[in-house]
């Protein structure tokens, strides 16, 4: 399994979620976060609480998927988030060592499967 963690423009979140749903992503989590991208001068922004309001708000989109779906979902996510302008965001892909669905006790890929027995 893999976790996709993407930081995207907040105005692109609806398009990203719709694209991921159409592509069969098993589930999506979205958080509003503040941050600055790679390439910013370190003295332009700080993330100290008193300065946080200066940092742009972005959305963090997280998906855990089967290894075989990873490349396809990264492509779908990136295409839906892309505007072509600097600051479009970034996707990180990391391995997921273990997953266990709390309600059913399903483990591994069956914990993230959709459907009658393994669905959320």
PDB file of N, CA and C in Angstrom:
ATOM      1  N   UNK A   1       0.836  -1.172   0.000  1.00  0.00           N
ATOM      2  CA  UNK A   1       0.000   0.000   0.000  1.00  0.00           C
ATOM      3  C   UNK A   1       0.882   1.236   0.000  1.00  0.00           C
ATOM      4  N   UNK A   2       0.314   2.321  -0.493  1.00  0.00           N
ATOM      5  CA  UNK A   2       1.018   3.599  -0.561  1.00  0.00           C
ATOM      6  C   UNK A   2       0.121   4.717  -0.041  1.00  0.00           C
ATOM      7  N   UNK A   3       0.746   5.718   0.550  1.00  0.00           N
ATOM      8  CA  UNK A   3       0.016   6.918   0.936  1.00  0.00           C
ATOM      9  C   UNK A   3       0.435   8.032  -0.010  1.00  0.00           C
ATOM     10  N   UNK A   4      -0.561   8.685  -0.593  1.00  0.00           N
ATOM     11  CA  UNK A   4      -0.335   9.869  -1.391  1.00  0.00           C
ATOM     12  C   UNK A   4      -0.685  11.054  -0.514  1.00  0.00           C
ATOM     13  N   UNK A   5       0.246  11.945  -0.370  1.00  0.00           N
ATOM     14  CA  UNK A   5       0.006  13.162   0.415  1.00  0.00           C
ATOM     15  C   UNK A   5       0.323  14.330  -0.504  1.00  0.00           C
ATOM     16  N   UNK A   6      -0.707  15.090  -0.837  1.00  0.00           N
ATOM     17  CA  UNK A   6      -0.541  16.189  -1.779  1.00  0.00           C
ATOM     18  C   UNK A   6      -0.896  17.508  -1.114  1.00  0.00           C
ATOM     19  N   UNK A   7      -0.144  18.530  -1.453  1.00  0.00           N
ATOM     20  CA  UNK A   7      -0.433  19.891  -1.021  1.00  0.00           C
ATOM     21  C   UNK A   7      -0.835  20.646  -2.274  1.00  0.00           C
ATOM     22  N   UNK A   8      -2.092  21.095  -2.307  1.00  0.00           N
ATOM     23  CA  UNK A   8      -2.640  21.719  -3.518  1.00  0.00           C
ATOM     24  C   UNK A   8      -3.343  23.021  -3.169  1.00  0.00           C
ATOM     25  N   UNK A   9      -3.599  23.806  -4.190  1.00  0.00           N
ATOM     26  CA  UNK A   9      -4.344  25.060  -4.004  1.00  0.00           C
ATOM     27  C   UNK A   9      -5.745  24.737  -3.486  1.00  0.00           C
ATOM     28  N   UNK A  10      -6.227  25.530  -2.559  1.00  0.00           N
ATOM     29  CA  UNK A  10      -7.562  25.276  -2.000  1.00  0.00           C
ATOM     30  C   UNK A  10      -8.636  25.368  -3.074  1.00  0.00           C
ATOM     31  N   UNK A  11      -8.455  26.208  -4.067  1.00  0.00           N
ATOM     32  CA  UNK A  11      -9.481  26.342  -5.104  1.00  0.00           C
ATOM     33  C   UNK A  11      -9.531  25.148  -6.044  1.00  0.00           C
ATOM     34  N   UNK A  12      -8.574  24.229  -5.945  1.00  0.00           N
ATOM     35  CA  UNK A  12      -8.547  23.037  -6.797  1.00  0.00           C
ATOM     36  C   UNK A  12      -9.035  21.787  -6.070  1.00  0.00           C
ATOM     37  N   UNK A  13      -9.376  21.906  -4.791  1.00  0.00           N
ATOM     38  CA  UNK A  13      -9.738  20.736  -3.984  1.00  0.00           C
ATOM     39  C   UNK A  13     -10.958  20.008  -4.542  1.00  0.00           C
ATOM     40  N   UNK A  14     -12.010  20.710  -4.899  1.00  0.00           N
ATOM     41  CA  UNK A  14     -13.205  20.037  -5.424  1.00  0.00           C
ATOM     42  C   UNK A  14     -12.878  19.231  -6.668  1.00  0.00           C
ATOM     43  N   UNK A  15     -12.109  19.812  -7.584  1.00  0.00           N
ATOM     44  CA  UNK A  15     -11.731  19.103  -8.810  1.00  0.00           C
ATOM     45  C   UNK A  15     -10.886  17.877  -8.492  1.00  0.00           C
ATOM     46  N   UNK A  16      -9.980  18.003  -7.523  1.00  0.00           N
ATOM     47  CA  UNK A  16      -9.124  16.883  -7.137  1.00  0.00           C
ATOM     48  C   UNK A  16      -9.961  15.745  -6.544  1.00  0.00           C
ATOM     49  N   UNK A  17     -10.860  16.069  -5.627  1.00  0.00           N
ATOM     50  CA  UNK A  17     -11.692  15.042  -4.996  1.00  0.00           C
ATOM     51  C   UNK A  17     -12.576  14.360  -6.031  1.00  0.00           C
ATOM     52  N   UNK A  18     -13.202  15.119  -6.909  1.00  0.00           N
ATOM     53  CA  UNK A  18     -14.052  14.519  -7.938  1.00  0.00           C
ATOM     54  C   UNK A  18     -13.246  13.601  -8.852  1.00  0.00           C
ATOM     55  N   UNK A  19     -12.065  14.026  -9.244  1.00  0.00           N
ATOM     56  CA  UNK A  19     -11.221  13.214 -10.119  1.00  0.00           C
ATOM     57  C   UNK A  19     -10.789  11.928  -9.422  1.00  0.00           C
ATOM     58  N   UNK A  20     -10.420  12.031  -8.147  1.00  0.00           N
ATOM     59  CA  UNK A  20     -10.012  10.842  -7.404  1.00  0.00           C
ATOM     60  C   UNK A  20     -11.180   9.870  -7.230  1.00  0.00           C
ATOM     61  N   UNK A  21     -12.373  10.388  -6.963  1.00  0.00           N
ATOM     62  CA  UNK A  21     -13.554   9.520  -6.839  1.00  0.00           C
ATOM     63  C   UNK A  21     -13.825   8.789  -8.143  1.00  0.00           C
ATOM     64  N   UNK A  22     -13.802   9.532  -9.270  1.00  0.00           N
ATOM     65  CA  UNK A  22     -14.029   8.910 -10.577  1.00  0.00           C
ATOM     66  C   UNK A  22     -12.979   7.845 -10.881  1.00  0.00           C
ATOM     67  N   UNK A  23     -11.767   8.057 -10.376  1.00  0.00           N
ATOM     68  CA  UNK A  23     -10.665   7.126 -10.625  1.00  0.00           C
ATOM     69  C   UNK A  23     -10.688   5.934  -9.674  1.00  0.00           C
ATOM     70  N   UNK A  24     -11.640   5.922  -8.731  1.00  0.00           N
ATOM     71  CA  UNK A  24     -11.772   4.786  -7.835  1.00  0.00           C
ATOM     72  C   UNK A  24     -10.908   4.830  -6.591  1.00  0.00           C
ATOM     73  N   UNK A  25     -10.482   6.013  -6.186  1.00  0.00           N
ATOM     74  CA  UNK A  25      -9.715   6.118  -4.938  1.00  0.00           C
ATOM     75  C   UNK A  25     -10.578   5.597  -3.791  1.00  0.00           C
ATOM     76  N   UNK A  26     -10.016   4.781  -2.909  1.00  0.00           N
ATOM     77  CA  UNK A  26     -10.814   4.176  -1.843  1.00  0.00           C
ATOM     78  C   UNK A  26     -11.309   5.159  -0.796  1.00  0.00           C
ATOM     79  N   UNK A  27     -10.671   6.282  -0.650  1.00  0.00           N
ATOM     80  CA  UNK A  27     -11.069   7.293   0.322  1.00  0.00           C
ATOM     81  C   UNK A  27     -10.122   8.469   0.232  1.00  0.00           C
ATOM     82  N   UNK A  28     -10.594   9.620   0.635  1.00  0.00           N
ATOM     83  CA  UNK A  28      -9.798  10.841   0.558  1.00  0.00           C
ATOM     84  C   UNK A  28      -9.984  11.613   1.848  1.00  0.00           C
ATOM     85  N   UNK A  29      -8.891  12.109   2.402  1.00  0.00           N
ATOM     86  CA  UNK A  29      -8.943  13.017   3.558  1.00  0.00           C
ATOM     87  C   UNK A  29      -8.399  14.360   3.110  1.00  0.00           C
ATOM     88  N   UNK A  30      -9.046  15.428   3.565  1.00  0.00           N
ATOM     89  CA  UNK A  30      -8.616  16.775   3.197  1.00  0.00           C
ATOM     90  C   UNK A  30      -8.493  17.606   4.462  1.00  0.00           C
ATOM     91  N   UNK A  31      -7.390  18.316   4.578  1.00  0.00           N
ATOM     92  CA  UNK A  31      -7.158  19.236   5.698  1.00  0.00           C
ATOM     93  C   UNK A  31      -6.734  20.578   5.139  1.00  0.00           C
ATOM     94  N   UNK A  32      -7.119  21.632   5.835  1.00  0.00           N
ATOM     95  CA  UNK A  32      -6.630  22.961   5.490  1.00  0.00           C
ATOM     96  C   UNK A  32      -5.372  23.206   6.306  1.00  0.00           C
ATOM     97  N   UNK A  33      -4.320  23.603   5.630  1.00  0.00           N
ATOM     98  CA  UNK A  33      -3.049  23.836   6.302  1.00  0.00           C
ATOM     99  C   UNK A  33      -2.445  25.137   5.778  1.00  0.00           C
ATOM    100  N   UNK A  34      -1.474  25.640   6.485  1.00  0.00           N
ATOM    101  CA  UNK A  34      -0.708  26.795   6.033  1.00  0.00           C
ATOM    102  C   UNK A  34       0.701  26.320   5.768  1.00  0.00           C
ATOM    103  N   UNK A  35       1.265  26.817   4.720  1.00  0.00           N
ATOM    104  CA  UNK A  35       2.633  26.427   4.442  1.00  0.00           C
ATOM    105  C   UNK A  35       3.197  27.220   3.294  1.00  0.00           C
ATOM    106  N   UNK A  36       4.457  27.073   3.093  1.00  0.00           N
ATOM    107  CA  UNK A  36       5.134  27.708   1.980  1.00  0.00           C
ATOM    108  C   UNK A  36       5.851  26.625   1.202  1.00  0.00           C
ATOM    109  N   UNK A  37       5.868  26.760  -0.086  1.00  0.00           N
ATOM    110  CA  UNK A  37       6.443  25.748  -0.958  1.00  0.00           C
ATOM    111  C   UNK A  37       7.947  25.830  -1.048  1.00  0.00           C
ATOM    112  N   UNK A  38       8.477  24.870  -1.753  1.00  0.00           N
ATOM    113  CA  UNK A  38       9.904  24.848  -2.014  1.00  0.00           C
ATOM    114  C   UNK A  38      10.239  26.010  -2.934  1.00  0.00           C
ATOM    115  N   UNK A  39      11.377  26.650  -2.702  1.00  0.00           N
ATOM    116  CA  UNK A  39      11.785  27.762  -3.536  1.00  0.00           C
ATOM    117  C   UNK A  39      11.538  29.119  -2.904  1.00  0.00           C
ATOM    118  N   UNK A  40      10.798  29.167  -1.783  1.00  0.00           N
ATOM    119  CA  UNK A  40      10.598  30.438  -1.099  1.00  0.00           C
ATOM    120  C   UNK A  40      11.824  30.754  -0.260  1.00  0.00           C
ATOM    121  N   UNK A  41      12.114  32.026  -0.175  1.00  0.00           N
ATOM    122  CA  UNK A  41      13.206  32.454   0.697  1.00  0.00           C
ATOM    123  C   UNK A  41      12.781  32.223   2.141  1.00  0.00           C
ATOM    124  N   UNK A  42      13.676  31.680   2.953  1.00  0.00           N
ATOM    125  CA  UNK A  42      13.312  31.326   4.321  1.00  0.00           C
ATOM    126  C   UNK A  42      12.942  32.537   5.167  1.00  0.00           C
ATOM    127  N   UNK A  43      13.433  33.722   4.827  1.00  0.00           N
ATOM    128  CA  UNK A  43      13.077  34.881   5.637  1.00  0.00           C
ATOM    129  C   UNK A  43      11.776  35.552   5.171  1.00  0.00           C
ATOM    130  N   UNK A  44      11.179  35.076   4.079  1.00  0.00           N
ATOM    131  CA  UNK A  44       9.901  35.621   3.623  1.00  0.00           C
ATOM    132  C   UNK A  44       8.759  35.235   4.561  1.00  0.00           C
ATOM    133  N   UNK A  45       8.781  34.004   5.023  1.00  0.00           N
ATOM    134  CA  UNK A  45       7.711  33.475   5.845  1.00  0.00           C
ATOM    135  C   UNK A  45       8.310  32.739   7.035  1.00  0.00           C
ATOM    136  N   UNK A  46       7.619  32.830   8.139  1.00  0.00           N
ATOM    137  CA  UNK A  46       7.912  31.928   9.239  1.00  0.00           C
ATOM    138  C   UNK A  46       6.594  31.272   9.604  1.00  0.00           C
ATOM    139  N   UNK A  47       6.657  30.164  10.268  1.00  0.00           N
ATOM    140  CA  UNK A  47       5.427  29.493  10.660  1.00  0.00           C
ATOM    141  C   UNK A  47       5.164  29.662  12.149  1.00  0.00           C
ATOM    142  N   UNK A  48       5.786  30.681  12.741  1.00  0.00           N
ATOM    143  CA  UNK A  48       5.489  31.019  14.129  1.00  0.00           C
ATOM    144  C   UNK A  48       4.017  31.425  14.198  1.00  0.00           C
ATOM    145  N   UNK A  49       3.342  31.092  15.291  1.00  0.00           N
ATOM    146  CA  UNK A  49       1.912  31.407  15.380  1.00  0.00           C
ATOM    147  C   UNK A  49       1.566  32.847  15.049  1.00  0.00           C
ATOM    148  N   UNK A  50       2.387  33.783  15.439  1.00  0.00           N
ATOM    149  CA  UNK A  50       2.082  35.193  15.171  1.00  0.00           C
ATOM    150  C   UNK A  50       2.249  35.545  13.692  1.00  0.00           C
ATOM    151  N   UNK A  51       2.981  34.756  12.953  1.00  0.00           N
ATOM    152  CA  UNK A  51       3.247  35.028  11.539  1.00  0.00           C
ATOM    153  C   UNK A  51       2.481  34.098  10.600  1.00  0.00           C
ATOM    154  N   UNK A  52       1.793  33.104  11.151  1.00  0.00           N
ATOM    155  CA  UNK A  52       1.155  32.073  10.330  1.00  0.00           C
ATOM    156  C   UNK A  52       0.173  32.648   9.327  1.00  0.00           C
ATOM    157  N   UNK A  53      -0.511  33.711   9.694  1.00  0.00           N
ATOM    158  CA  UNK A  53      -1.517  34.280   8.790  1.00  0.00           C
ATOM    159  C   UNK A  53      -0.905  34.779   7.495  1.00  0.00           C
ATOM    160  N   UNK A  54       0.400  35.026   7.478  1.00  0.00           N
ATOM    161  CA  UNK A  54       1.074  35.473   6.260  1.00  0.00           C
ATOM    162  C   UNK A  54       1.324  34.315   5.293  1.00  0.00           C
ATOM    163  N   UNK A  55       1.370  33.104   5.817  1.00  0.00           N
ATOM    164  CA  UNK A  55       1.624  31.940   4.966  1.00  0.00           C
ATOM    165  C   UNK A  55       0.335  31.568   4.247  1.00  0.00           C
ATOM    166  N   UNK A  56       0.413  31.221   2.988  1.00  0.00           N
ATOM    167  CA  UNK A  56      -0.805  30.890   2.247  1.00  0.00           C
ATOM    168  C   UNK A  56      -1.492  29.641   2.788  1.00  0.00           C
ATOM    169  N   UNK A  57      -2.829  29.643   2.711  1.00  0.00           N
ATOM    170  CA  UNK A  57      -3.585  28.448   3.082  1.00  0.00           C
ATOM    171  C   UNK A  57      -3.614  27.529   1.867  1.00  0.00           C
ATOM    172  N   UNK A  58      -3.318  26.269   2.097  1.00  0.00           N
ATOM    173  CA  UNK A  58      -3.372  25.254   1.055  1.00  0.00           C
ATOM    174  C   UNK A  58      -4.133  24.064   1.607  1.00  0.00           C
ATOM    175  N   UNK A  59      -4.445  23.126   0.747  1.00  0.00           N
ATOM    176  CA  UNK A  59      -5.143  21.920   1.178  1.00  0.00           C
ATOM    177  C   UNK A  59      -4.179  20.747   1.137  1.00  0.00           C
ATOM    178  N   UNK A  60      -4.256  19.931   2.174  1.00  0.00           N
ATOM    179  CA  UNK A  60      -3.505  18.677   2.191  1.00  0.00           C
ATOM    180  C   UNK A  60      -4.503  17.571   1.873  1.00  0.00           C
ATOM    181  N   UNK A  61      -4.259  16.854   0.793  1.00  0.00           N
ATOM    182  CA  UNK A  61      -5.125  15.771   0.343  1.00  0.00           C
ATOM    183  C   UNK A  61      -4.367  14.474   0.558  1.00  0.00           C
ATOM    184  N   UNK A  62      -4.997  13.533   1.287  1.00  0.00           N
ATOM    185  CA  UNK A  62      -4.336  12.265   1.586  1.00  0.00           C
ATOM    186  C   UNK A  62      -5.184  11.101   1.098  1.00  0.00           C
ATOM    187  N   UNK A  63      -4.515  10.131   0.475  1.00  0.00           N
ATOM    188  CA  UNK A  63      -5.164   8.925  -0.024  1.00  0.00           C
ATOM    189  C   UNK A  63      -4.242   7.752   0.277  1.00  0.00           C
ATOM    190  N   UNK A  64      -4.807   6.670   0.787  1.00  0.00           N
ATOM    191  CA  UNK A  64      -4.055   5.422   0.910  1.00  0.00           C
ATOM    192  C   UNK A  64      -4.641   4.479  -0.132  1.00  0.00           C
ATOM    193  N   UNK A  65      -3.758   3.882  -0.926  1.00  0.00           N
ATOM    194  CA  UNK A  65      -4.221   3.044  -2.026  1.00  0.00           C
ATOM    195  C   UNK A  65      -3.347   1.808  -2.182  1.00  0.00           C
ATOM    196  N   UNK A  66      -3.829   0.870  -2.979  1.00  0.00           N
ATOM    197  CA  UNK A  66      -3.053  -0.321  -3.315  1.00  0.00           C
ATOM    198  C   UNK A  66      -1.854   0.095  -4.169  1.00  0.00           C
ATOM    199  N   UNK A  67      -0.766  -0.638  -4.054  1.00  0.00           N
ATOM    200  CA  UNK A  67       0.437  -0.333  -4.828  1.00  0.00           C
ATOM    201  C   UNK A  67       0.128  -0.227  -6.321  1.00  0.00           C
ATOM    202  N   UNK A  68      -0.710  -1.126  -6.822  1.00  0.00           N
ATOM    203  CA  UNK A  68      -0.998  -1.155  -8.262  1.00  0.00           C
ATOM    204  C   UNK A  68      -1.774   0.067  -8.732  1.00  0.00           C
ATOM    205  N   UNK A  69      -2.404   0.814  -7.836  1.00  0.00           N
ATOM    206  CA  UNK A  69      -3.169   2.016  -8.198  1.00  0.00           C
ATOM    207  C   UNK A  69      -2.378   3.307  -8.029  1.00  0.00           C
ATOM    208  N   UNK A  70      -1.213   3.217  -7.433  1.00  0.00           N
ATOM    209  CA  UNK A  70      -0.468   4.411  -7.021  1.00  0.00           C
ATOM    210  C   UNK A  70      -0.158   5.347  -8.186  1.00  0.00           C
ATOM    211  N   UNK A  71       0.530   4.864  -9.199  1.00  0.00           N
ATOM    212  CA  UNK A  71       0.951   5.744 -10.292  1.00  0.00           C
ATOM    213  C   UNK A  71      -0.246   6.391 -10.985  1.00  0.00           C
ATOM    214  N   UNK A  72      -1.299   5.622 -11.185  1.00  0.00           N
ATOM    215  CA  UNK A  72      -2.498   6.146 -11.841  1.00  0.00           C
ATOM    216  C   UNK A  72      -3.139   7.253 -11.006  1.00  0.00           C
ATOM    217  N   UNK A  73      -3.260   7.019  -9.693  1.00  0.00           N
ATOM    218  CA  UNK A  73      -3.885   8.025  -8.829  1.00  0.00           C
ATOM    219  C   UNK A  73      -3.019   9.271  -8.675  1.00  0.00           C
ATOM    220  N   UNK A  74      -1.705   9.104  -8.662  1.00  0.00           N
ATOM    221  CA  UNK A  74      -0.816  10.282  -8.630  1.00  0.00           C
ATOM    222  C   UNK A  74      -1.050  11.118  -9.886  1.00  0.00           C
ATOM    223  N   UNK A  75      -1.150  10.472 -11.033  1.00  0.00           N
ATOM    224  CA  UNK A  75      -1.397  11.193 -12.281  1.00  0.00           C
ATOM    225  C   UNK A  75      -2.730  11.910 -12.290  1.00  0.00           C
ATOM    226  N   UNK A  76      -3.772  11.231 -11.805  1.00  0.00           N
ATOM    227  CA  UNK A  76      -5.110  11.827 -11.739  1.00  0.00           C
ATOM    228  C   UNK A  76      -5.096  13.032 -10.806  1.00  0.00           C
ATOM    229  N   UNK A  77      -4.502  12.872  -9.639  1.00  0.00           N
ATOM    230  CA  UNK A  77      -4.446  13.945  -8.654  1.00  0.00           C
ATOM    231  C   UNK A  77      -3.690  15.151  -9.210  1.00  0.00           C
ATOM    232  N   UNK A  78      -2.523  14.901  -9.786  1.00  0.00           N
ATOM    233  CA  UNK A  78      -1.700  15.995 -10.309  1.00  0.00           C
ATOM    234  C   UNK A  78      -2.406  16.719 -11.457  1.00  0.00           C
ATOM    235  N   UNK A  79      -3.055  15.975 -12.337  1.00  0.00           N
ATOM    236  CA  UNK A  79      -3.754  16.595 -13.465  1.00  0.00           C
ATOM    237  C   UNK A  79      -4.901  17.477 -12.974  1.00  0.00           C
ATOM    238  N   UNK A  80      -5.627  17.008 -11.970  1.00  0.00           N
ATOM    239  CA  UNK A  80      -6.762  17.778 -11.447  1.00  0.00           C
ATOM    240  C   UNK A  80      -6.307  19.016 -10.678  1.00  0.00           C
ATOM    241  N   UNK A  81      -5.141  18.963 -10.077  1.00  0.00           N
ATOM    242  CA  UNK A  81      -4.646  20.085  -9.271  1.00  0.00           C
ATOM    243  C   UNK A  81      -3.910  21.130 -10.105  1.00  0.00           C
ATOM    244  N   UNK A  82      -3.445  20.743 -11.261  1.00  0.00           N
ATOM    245  CA  UNK A  82      -2.568  21.599 -12.068  1.00  0.00           C
ATOM    246  C   UNK A  82      -3.300  22.806 -12.645  1.00  0.00           C
ATOM    247  N   UNK A  83      -2.674  23.988 -12.476  1.00  0.00           N
ATOM    248  CA  UNK A  83      -3.134  25.202 -13.154  1.00  0.00           C
ATOM    249  C   UNK A  83      -2.081  25.679 -14.142  1.00  0.00           C
ATOM    250  N   UNK A  84      -0.841  25.218 -13.946  1.00  0.00           N
ATOM    251  CA  UNK A  84       0.263  25.662 -14.793  1.00  0.00           C
ATOM    252  C   UNK A  84       1.030  26.825 -14.209  1.00  0.00           C
ATOM    253  N   UNK A  85       0.580  27.326 -13.077  1.00  0.00           N
ATOM    254  CA  UNK A  85       1.248  28.453 -12.433  1.00  0.00           C
ATOM    255  C   UNK A  85       2.109  27.968 -11.273  1.00  0.00           C
ATOM    256  N   UNK A  86       3.145  28.737 -10.915  1.00  0.00           N
ATOM    257  CA  UNK A  86       3.933  28.371  -9.741  1.00  0.00           C
ATOM    258  C   UNK A  86       3.033  28.258  -8.513  1.00  0.00           C
ATOM    259  N   UNK A  87       3.309  27.287  -7.667  1.00  0.00           N
ATOM    260  CA  UNK A  87       2.516  27.099  -6.456  1.00  0.00           C
ATOM    261  C   UNK A  87       1.407  26.074  -6.607  1.00  0.00           C
ATOM    262  N   UNK A  88       1.413  25.330  -7.722  1.00  0.00           N
ATOM    263  CA  UNK A  88       0.380  24.307  -7.925  1.00  0.00           C
ATOM    264  C   UNK A  88       0.436  23.212  -6.865  1.00  0.00           C
ATOM    265  N   UNK A  89       1.593  22.965  -6.273  1.00  0.00           N
ATOM    266  CA  UNK A  89       1.680  21.995  -5.191  1.00  0.00           C
ATOM    267  C   UNK A  89       2.651  20.872  -5.471  1.00  0.00           C
ATOM    268  N   UNK A  90       2.531  19.834  -4.661  1.00  0.00           N
ATOM    269  CA  UNK A  90       3.443  18.692  -4.733  1.00  0.00           C
ATOM    270  C   UNK A  90       2.726  17.463  -4.182  1.00  0.00           C
ATOM    271  N   UNK A  91       3.122  16.293  -4.686  1.00  0.00           N
ATOM    272  CA  UNK A  91       2.591  15.025  -4.188  1.00  0.00           C
ATOM    273  C   UNK A  91       3.754  14.211  -3.647  1.00  0.00           C
ATOM    274  N   UNK A  92       3.605  13.720  -2.434  1.00  0.00           N
ATOM    275  CA  UNK A  92       4.579  12.808  -1.842  1.00  0.00           C
ATOM    276  C   UNK A  92       3.964  11.421  -1.817  1.00  0.00           C
ATOM    277  N   UNK A  93       4.756  10.414  -2.080  1.00  0.00           N
ATOM    278  CA  UNK A  93       4.301   9.026  -2.037  1.00  0.00           C
ATOM    279  C   UNK A  93       5.185   8.282  -1.043  1.00  0.00           C
ATOM    280  N   UNK A  94       4.542   7.651  -0.062  1.00  0.00           N
ATOM    281  CA  UNK A  94       5.286   6.894   0.940  1.00  0.00           C
ATOM    282  C   UNK A  94       4.657   5.520   1.125  1.00  0.00           C
ATOM    283  N   UNK A  95       5.461   4.545   1.510  1.00  0.00           N
ATOM    284  CA  UNK A  95       4.896   3.219   1.764  1.00  0.00           C
ATOM    285  C   UNK A  95       4.073   3.214   3.051  1.00  0.00           C
ATOM    286  N   UNK A  96       3.021   2.408   3.054  1.00  0.00           N
ATOM    287  CA  UNK A  96       2.209   2.193   4.249  1.00  0.00           C
ATOM    288  C   UNK A  96       2.525   0.779   4.725  1.00  0.00           C
ATOM    289  N   UNK A  97       3.060   0.703   5.908  1.00  0.00           N
ATOM    290  CA  UNK A  97       3.482  -0.581   6.442  1.00  0.00           C
ATOM    291  C   UNK A  97       2.307  -1.458   6.858  1.00  0.00           C
ATOM    292  N   UNK A  98       1.274  -0.831   7.405  1.00  0.00           N
ATOM    293  CA  UNK A  98       0.165  -1.624   7.935  1.00  0.00           C
ATOM    294  C   UNK A  98      -1.080  -0.755   8.028  1.00  0.00           C
ATOM    295  N   UNK A  99      -2.210  -1.382   7.808  1.00  0.00           N
ATOM    296  CA  UNK A  99      -3.494  -0.701   7.990  1.00  0.00           C
ATOM    297  C   UNK A  99      -4.468  -1.687   8.616  1.00  0.00           C
ATOM    298  N   UNK A 100      -5.286  -1.209   9.540  1.00  0.00           N
ATOM    299  CA  UNK A 100      -6.301  -2.042  10.176  1.00  0.00           C
ATOM    300  C   UNK A 100      -7.574  -1.224  10.306  1.00  0.00           C
ATOM    301  N   UNK A 101      -8.644  -1.742   9.766  1.00  0.00           N
ATOM    302  CA  UNK A 101      -9.937  -1.069   9.861  1.00  0.00           C
ATOM    303  C   UNK A 101     -10.484  -1.327  11.257  1.00  0.00           C
ATOM    304  N   UNK A 102     -10.806  -0.283  11.957  1.00  0.00           N
ATOM    305  CA  UNK A 102     -11.232  -0.393  13.353  1.00  0.00           C
ATOM    306  C   UNK A 102     -12.543  -1.163  13.482  1.00  0.00           C
ATOM    307  N   UNK A 103     -13.534  -0.858  12.636  1.00  0.00           N
ATOM    308  CA  UNK A 103     -14.851  -1.477  12.759  1.00  0.00           C
ATOM    309  C   UNK A 103     -14.823  -2.975  12.497  1.00  0.00           C
ATOM    310  N   UNK A 104     -14.122  -3.400  11.432  1.00  0.00           N
ATOM    311  CA  UNK A 104     -14.191  -4.804  11.003  1.00  0.00           C
ATOM    312  C   UNK A 104     -12.978  -5.636  11.398  1.00  0.00           C
ATOM    313  N   UNK A 105     -11.871  -4.975  11.688  1.00  0.00           N
ATOM    314  CA  UNK A 105     -10.644  -5.703  11.961  1.00  0.00           C
ATOM    315  C   UNK A 105      -9.895  -6.106  10.704  1.00  0.00           C
ATOM    316  N   UNK A 106     -10.447  -5.763   9.516  1.00  0.00           N
ATOM    317  CA  UNK A 106      -9.754  -6.075   8.259  1.00  0.00           C
ATOM    318  C   UNK A 106      -8.380  -5.437   8.276  1.00  0.00           C
ATOM    319  N   UNK A 107      -7.419  -6.152   7.707  1.00  0.00           N
ATOM    320  CA  UNK A 107      -6.055  -5.637   7.645  1.00  0.00           C
ATOM    321  C   UNK A 107      -5.563  -5.602   6.208  1.00  0.00           C
ATOM    322  N   UNK A 108      -4.533  -4.796   5.981  1.00  0.00           N
ATOM    323  CA  UNK A 108      -3.929  -4.689   4.665  1.00  0.00           C
ATOM    324  C   UNK A 108      -4.851  -4.003   3.681  1.00  0.00           C
ATOM    325  N   UNK A 109      -4.756  -4.425   2.407  1.00  0.00           N
ATOM    326  CA  UNK A 109      -5.567  -3.787   1.371  1.00  0.00           C
ATOM    327  C   UNK A 109      -7.058  -3.973   1.595  1.00  0.00           C
ATOM    328  N   UNK A 110      -7.472  -5.027   2.277  1.00  0.00           N
ATOM    329  CA  UNK A 110      -8.902  -5.193   2.539  1.00  0.00           C
ATOM    330  C   UNK A 110      -9.416  -4.130   3.516  1.00  0.00           C
ATOM    331  N   UNK A 111      -8.525  -3.530   4.289  1.00  0.00           N
ATOM    332  CA  UNK A 111      -8.928  -2.459   5.209  1.00  0.00           C
ATOM    333  C   UNK A 111      -9.283  -1.181   4.464  1.00  0.00           C
ATOM    334  N   UNK A 112      -8.744  -1.021   3.256  1.00  0.00           N
ATOM    335  CA  UNK A 112      -9.039   0.193   2.492  1.00  0.00           C
ATOM    336  C   UNK A 112      -9.959  -0.085   1.312  1.00  0.00           C
ATOM    337  N   UNK A 113     -10.392  -1.319   1.160  1.00  0.00           N
ATOM    338  CA  UNK A 113     -11.279  -1.675   0.049  1.00  0.00           C
ATOM    339  C   UNK A 113     -12.659  -1.081   0.255  1.00  0.00           C
ATOM    340  N   UNK A 114     -13.280  -0.728  -0.835  1.00  0.00           N
ATOM    341  CA  UNK A 114     -14.661  -0.266  -0.788  1.00  0.00           C
ATOM    342  C   UNK A 114     -15.566  -1.440  -1.096  1.00  0.00           C
ATOM    343  N   UNK A 115     -16.787  -1.359  -0.696  1.00  0.00           N
ATOM    344  CA  UNK A 115     -17.725  -2.431  -0.981  1.00  0.00           C
ATOM    345  C   UNK A 115     -18.485  -2.826   0.262  1.00  0.00           C
ATOM    346  N   UNK A 116     -19.310  -3.847   0.121  1.00  0.00           N
ATOM    347  CA  UNK A 116     -20.241  -4.255   1.194  1.00  0.00           C
ATOM    348  C   UNK A 116     -19.519  -4.705   2.449  1.00  0.00           C
ATOM    349  N   UNK A 117     -18.448  -5.468   2.334  1.00  0.00           N
ATOM    350  CA  UNK A 117     -17.808  -5.997   3.534  1.00  0.00           C
ATOM    351  C   UNK A 117     -16.684  -5.126   4.045  1.00  0.00           C
ATOM    352  N   UNK A 118     -15.970  -4.452   3.156  1.00  0.00           N
ATOM    353  CA  UNK A 118     -14.809  -3.702   3.613  1.00  0.00           C
ATOM    354  C   UNK A 118     -14.972  -2.215   3.538  1.00  0.00           C
ATOM    355  N   UNK A 119     -16.132  -1.723   3.150  1.00  0.00           N
ATOM    356  CA  UNK A 119     -16.326  -0.289   2.947  1.00  0.00           C
ATOM    357  C   UNK A 119     -16.325   0.504   4.232  1.00  0.00           C
ATOM    358  N   UNK A 120     -16.157   1.813   4.089  1.00  0.00           N
ATOM    359  CA  UNK A 120     -16.120   2.682   5.271  1.00  0.00           C
ATOM    360  C   UNK A 120     -17.434   2.759   6.009  1.00  0.00           C
TER     361      UNK A 120
END
